[in-house]
């Protein structure tokens, strides 16, 4: 069964402010459900949205010039 969160619960889940969550809704940058005047967020949608924003690290490349001894 899918769990739905309020704006305040979503803010806690994302470790951000409720204002930021409302801005995401206003800009339609995050999936949400409107139930009358209420807005709810599915946890599965939030997890997918977070995964979509993931940035992979660059692979480690050694420095092109080895360091010489310092004085």
N, C-alpha and C. Protein backbone atom coordinates (compact mmCIF):
# COMPACT_ATOMS: atom_id res chain seq x y z
N UNK A 1 0.84 -1.17 0.00
CA UNK A 1 0.00 0.00 0.00
C UNK A 1 0.89 1.25 0.00
N UNK A 2 0.56 2.21 -0.82
CA UNK A 2 1.34 3.43 -0.94
C UNK A 2 1.05 4.37 0.22
N UNK A 3 2.10 4.94 0.77
CA UNK A 3 1.96 5.91 1.85
C UNK A 3 2.00 7.31 1.27
N UNK A 4 1.10 8.18 1.73
CA UNK A 4 1.02 9.55 1.26
C UNK A 4 1.38 10.50 2.40
N UNK A 5 2.13 11.53 2.07
CA UNK A 5 2.61 12.48 3.07
C UNK A 5 2.05 13.88 2.82
N UNK A 6 1.91 14.64 3.89
CA UNK A 6 1.50 16.04 3.79
C UNK A 6 2.73 16.88 3.40
N UNK A 7 2.52 18.17 3.22
CA UNK A 7 3.63 19.07 2.89
C UNK A 7 4.66 19.05 4.01
N UNK A 8 4.21 19.16 5.26
CA UNK A 8 5.15 19.17 6.39
C UNK A 8 5.90 17.84 6.51
N UNK A 9 5.20 16.73 6.34
CA UNK A 9 5.85 15.42 6.40
C UNK A 9 6.84 15.25 5.25
N UNK A 10 6.48 15.75 4.07
CA UNK A 10 7.36 15.67 2.91
C UNK A 10 8.62 16.50 3.15
N UNK A 11 8.46 17.67 3.75
CA UNK A 11 9.61 18.50 4.06
C UNK A 11 10.55 17.78 5.01
N UNK A 12 10.01 17.12 6.02
CA UNK A 12 10.86 16.35 6.94
C UNK A 12 11.52 15.19 6.21
N UNK A 13 10.79 14.52 5.32
CA UNK A 13 11.32 13.38 4.56
C UNK A 13 12.48 13.82 3.67
N UNK A 14 12.35 15.01 3.07
CA UNK A 14 13.39 15.53 2.18
C UNK A 14 14.43 16.35 2.92
N UNK A 15 14.25 16.52 4.23
CA UNK A 15 15.14 17.31 5.06
C UNK A 15 15.26 18.74 4.52
N UNK A 16 14.12 19.35 4.28
CA UNK A 16 14.05 20.71 3.76
C UNK A 16 12.90 21.44 4.42
N UNK A 17 12.58 22.62 3.95
CA UNK A 17 11.50 23.40 4.55
C UNK A 17 10.17 23.17 3.81
N UNK A 18 9.05 23.36 4.50
CA UNK A 18 7.76 23.26 3.82
C UNK A 18 7.64 24.28 2.68
N UNK A 19 8.24 25.45 2.85
CA UNK A 19 8.19 26.46 1.79
C UNK A 19 8.83 25.94 0.50
N UNK A 20 9.96 25.24 0.62
CA UNK A 20 10.62 24.67 -0.56
C UNK A 20 9.71 23.65 -1.24
N UNK A 21 9.04 22.82 -0.46
CA UNK A 21 8.13 21.82 -1.03
C UNK A 21 6.99 22.52 -1.77
N UNK A 22 6.44 23.58 -1.18
CA UNK A 22 5.37 24.33 -1.86
C UNK A 22 5.86 24.96 -3.15
N UNK A 23 7.10 25.43 -3.16
CA UNK A 23 7.67 26.01 -4.39
C UNK A 23 7.82 24.94 -5.46
N UNK A 24 8.21 23.72 -5.09
CA UNK A 24 8.30 22.62 -6.04
C UNK A 24 6.94 22.31 -6.65
N UNK A 25 5.91 22.35 -5.82
CA UNK A 25 4.54 22.10 -6.29
C UNK A 25 4.11 23.21 -7.24
N UNK A 26 4.34 24.46 -6.86
CA UNK A 26 3.93 25.59 -7.69
C UNK A 26 4.61 25.57 -9.06
N UNK A 27 5.86 25.12 -9.09
CA UNK A 27 6.60 25.05 -10.35
C UNK A 27 6.37 23.73 -11.08
N UNK A 28 5.56 22.86 -10.49
CA UNK A 28 5.28 21.53 -11.06
C UNK A 28 6.56 20.74 -11.31
N UNK A 29 7.48 20.82 -10.37
CA UNK A 29 8.75 20.11 -10.49
C UNK A 29 8.75 18.78 -9.75
N UNK A 30 7.66 18.49 -9.04
CA UNK A 30 7.56 17.26 -8.26
C UNK A 30 6.14 16.71 -8.41
N UNK A 31 6.03 15.39 -8.42
CA UNK A 31 4.72 14.76 -8.57
C UNK A 31 3.94 14.88 -7.26
N UNK A 32 2.66 15.18 -7.38
CA UNK A 32 1.82 15.31 -6.18
C UNK A 32 0.38 14.96 -6.54
N UNK A 33 -0.42 14.74 -5.52
CA UNK A 33 -1.84 14.45 -5.67
C UNK A 33 -2.62 15.57 -5.01
N UNK A 34 -3.63 16.04 -5.68
CA UNK A 34 -4.49 17.08 -5.11
C UNK A 34 -5.79 16.41 -4.69
N UNK A 35 -6.12 16.54 -3.42
CA UNK A 35 -7.35 15.98 -2.87
C UNK A 35 -8.14 17.18 -2.34
N UNK A 36 -9.02 17.69 -3.17
CA UNK A 36 -9.70 18.93 -2.82
C UNK A 36 -8.67 20.05 -2.77
N UNK A 37 -8.56 20.69 -1.62
CA UNK A 37 -7.56 21.74 -1.44
C UNK A 37 -6.25 21.21 -0.86
N UNK A 38 -6.23 19.94 -0.52
CA UNK A 38 -5.06 19.34 0.10
C UNK A 38 -4.10 18.80 -0.95
N UNK A 39 -2.83 18.82 -0.63
CA UNK A 39 -1.79 18.28 -1.50
C UNK A 39 -1.11 17.14 -0.75
N UNK A 40 -0.93 16.01 -1.43
CA UNK A 40 -0.28 14.85 -0.83
C UNK A 40 0.79 14.32 -1.78
N UNK A 41 1.78 13.67 -1.19
CA UNK A 41 2.91 13.15 -1.96
C UNK A 41 3.09 11.68 -1.66
N UNK A 42 3.21 10.87 -2.70
CA UNK A 42 3.47 9.44 -2.53
C UNK A 42 4.96 9.24 -2.25
N UNK A 43 5.28 8.43 -1.28
CA UNK A 43 6.67 8.18 -0.92
C UNK A 43 7.41 7.59 -2.11
N UNK A 44 6.76 6.73 -2.88
CA UNK A 44 7.42 6.14 -4.05
C UNK A 44 7.77 7.22 -5.08
N UNK A 45 6.90 8.21 -5.26
CA UNK A 45 7.19 9.32 -6.17
C UNK A 45 8.36 10.15 -5.65
N UNK A 46 8.41 10.37 -4.35
CA UNK A 46 9.51 11.14 -3.77
C UNK A 46 10.84 10.42 -3.96
N UNK A 47 10.84 9.11 -3.74
CA UNK A 47 12.07 8.32 -3.93
C UNK A 47 12.53 8.37 -5.39
N UNK A 48 11.58 8.28 -6.32
CA UNK A 48 11.92 8.35 -7.75
C UNK A 48 12.47 9.73 -8.10
N UNK A 49 11.86 10.78 -7.54
CA UNK A 49 12.31 12.14 -7.80
C UNK A 49 13.73 12.36 -7.27
N UNK A 50 13.99 11.83 -6.08
CA UNK A 50 15.33 11.93 -5.51
C UNK A 50 16.36 11.19 -6.36
N UNK A 51 16.01 10.00 -6.81
CA UNK A 51 16.92 9.21 -7.64
C UNK A 51 17.20 9.92 -8.97
N UNK A 52 16.21 10.60 -9.48
CA UNK A 52 16.36 11.32 -10.75
C UNK A 52 17.36 12.47 -10.61
N UNK A 53 17.48 13.03 -9.43
CA UNK A 53 18.38 14.14 -9.22
C UNK A 53 19.78 13.73 -8.77
N UNK A 54 20.01 12.45 -8.73
CA UNK A 54 21.31 11.96 -8.27
C UNK A 54 22.41 12.31 -9.27
N UNK A 55 23.53 12.78 -8.75
CA UNK A 55 24.68 13.12 -9.58
C UNK A 55 25.80 12.15 -9.24
N UNK A 56 26.28 11.45 -10.26
CA UNK A 56 27.35 10.48 -10.07
C UNK A 56 28.68 11.20 -9.93
N UNK A 57 29.58 10.68 -9.10
CA UNK A 57 30.89 11.31 -8.96
C UNK A 57 31.75 11.03 -10.20
N UNK A 58 32.70 11.90 -10.43
CA UNK A 58 33.65 11.67 -11.51
C UNK A 58 34.56 10.53 -11.11
N UNK A 59 35.00 9.72 -12.10
CA UNK A 59 35.96 8.66 -11.75
C UNK A 59 37.28 9.30 -11.35
N UNK A 60 37.96 8.69 -10.43
CA UNK A 60 39.24 9.22 -9.95
C UNK A 60 40.29 9.07 -11.04
N UNK A 61 40.93 10.19 -11.35
CA UNK A 61 42.03 10.16 -12.30
C UNK A 61 43.27 10.68 -11.57
N UNK A 62 44.37 9.98 -11.73
CA UNK A 62 45.58 10.48 -11.07
C UNK A 62 46.01 11.81 -11.69
N UNK A 63 46.67 12.61 -10.89
CA UNK A 63 47.15 13.91 -11.35
C UNK A 63 48.11 13.67 -12.52
N UNK A 64 48.05 14.47 -13.60
CA UNK A 64 48.88 14.21 -14.77
C UNK A 64 50.38 14.35 -14.50
N UNK A 65 50.77 15.20 -13.57
CA UNK A 65 52.18 15.38 -13.26
C UNK A 65 52.41 14.96 -11.81
N UNK A 66 53.27 13.96 -11.61
CA UNK A 66 53.51 13.56 -10.23
C UNK A 66 54.17 14.69 -9.46
N UNK A 67 53.84 14.79 -8.20
CA UNK A 67 54.42 15.83 -7.35
C UNK A 67 55.88 15.53 -7.08
N UNK A 68 56.65 16.55 -7.07
CA UNK A 68 58.06 16.38 -6.72
C UNK A 68 58.19 16.69 -5.23
N UNK A 69 59.26 16.29 -4.66
CA UNK A 69 59.49 16.50 -3.24
C UNK A 69 59.42 17.99 -2.89
N UNK A 70 58.84 18.28 -1.76
CA UNK A 70 58.75 19.66 -1.31
C UNK A 70 59.92 19.99 -0.41
N UNK A 71 60.26 21.24 -0.36
CA UNK A 71 61.40 21.68 0.48
C UNK A 71 60.98 21.94 1.88
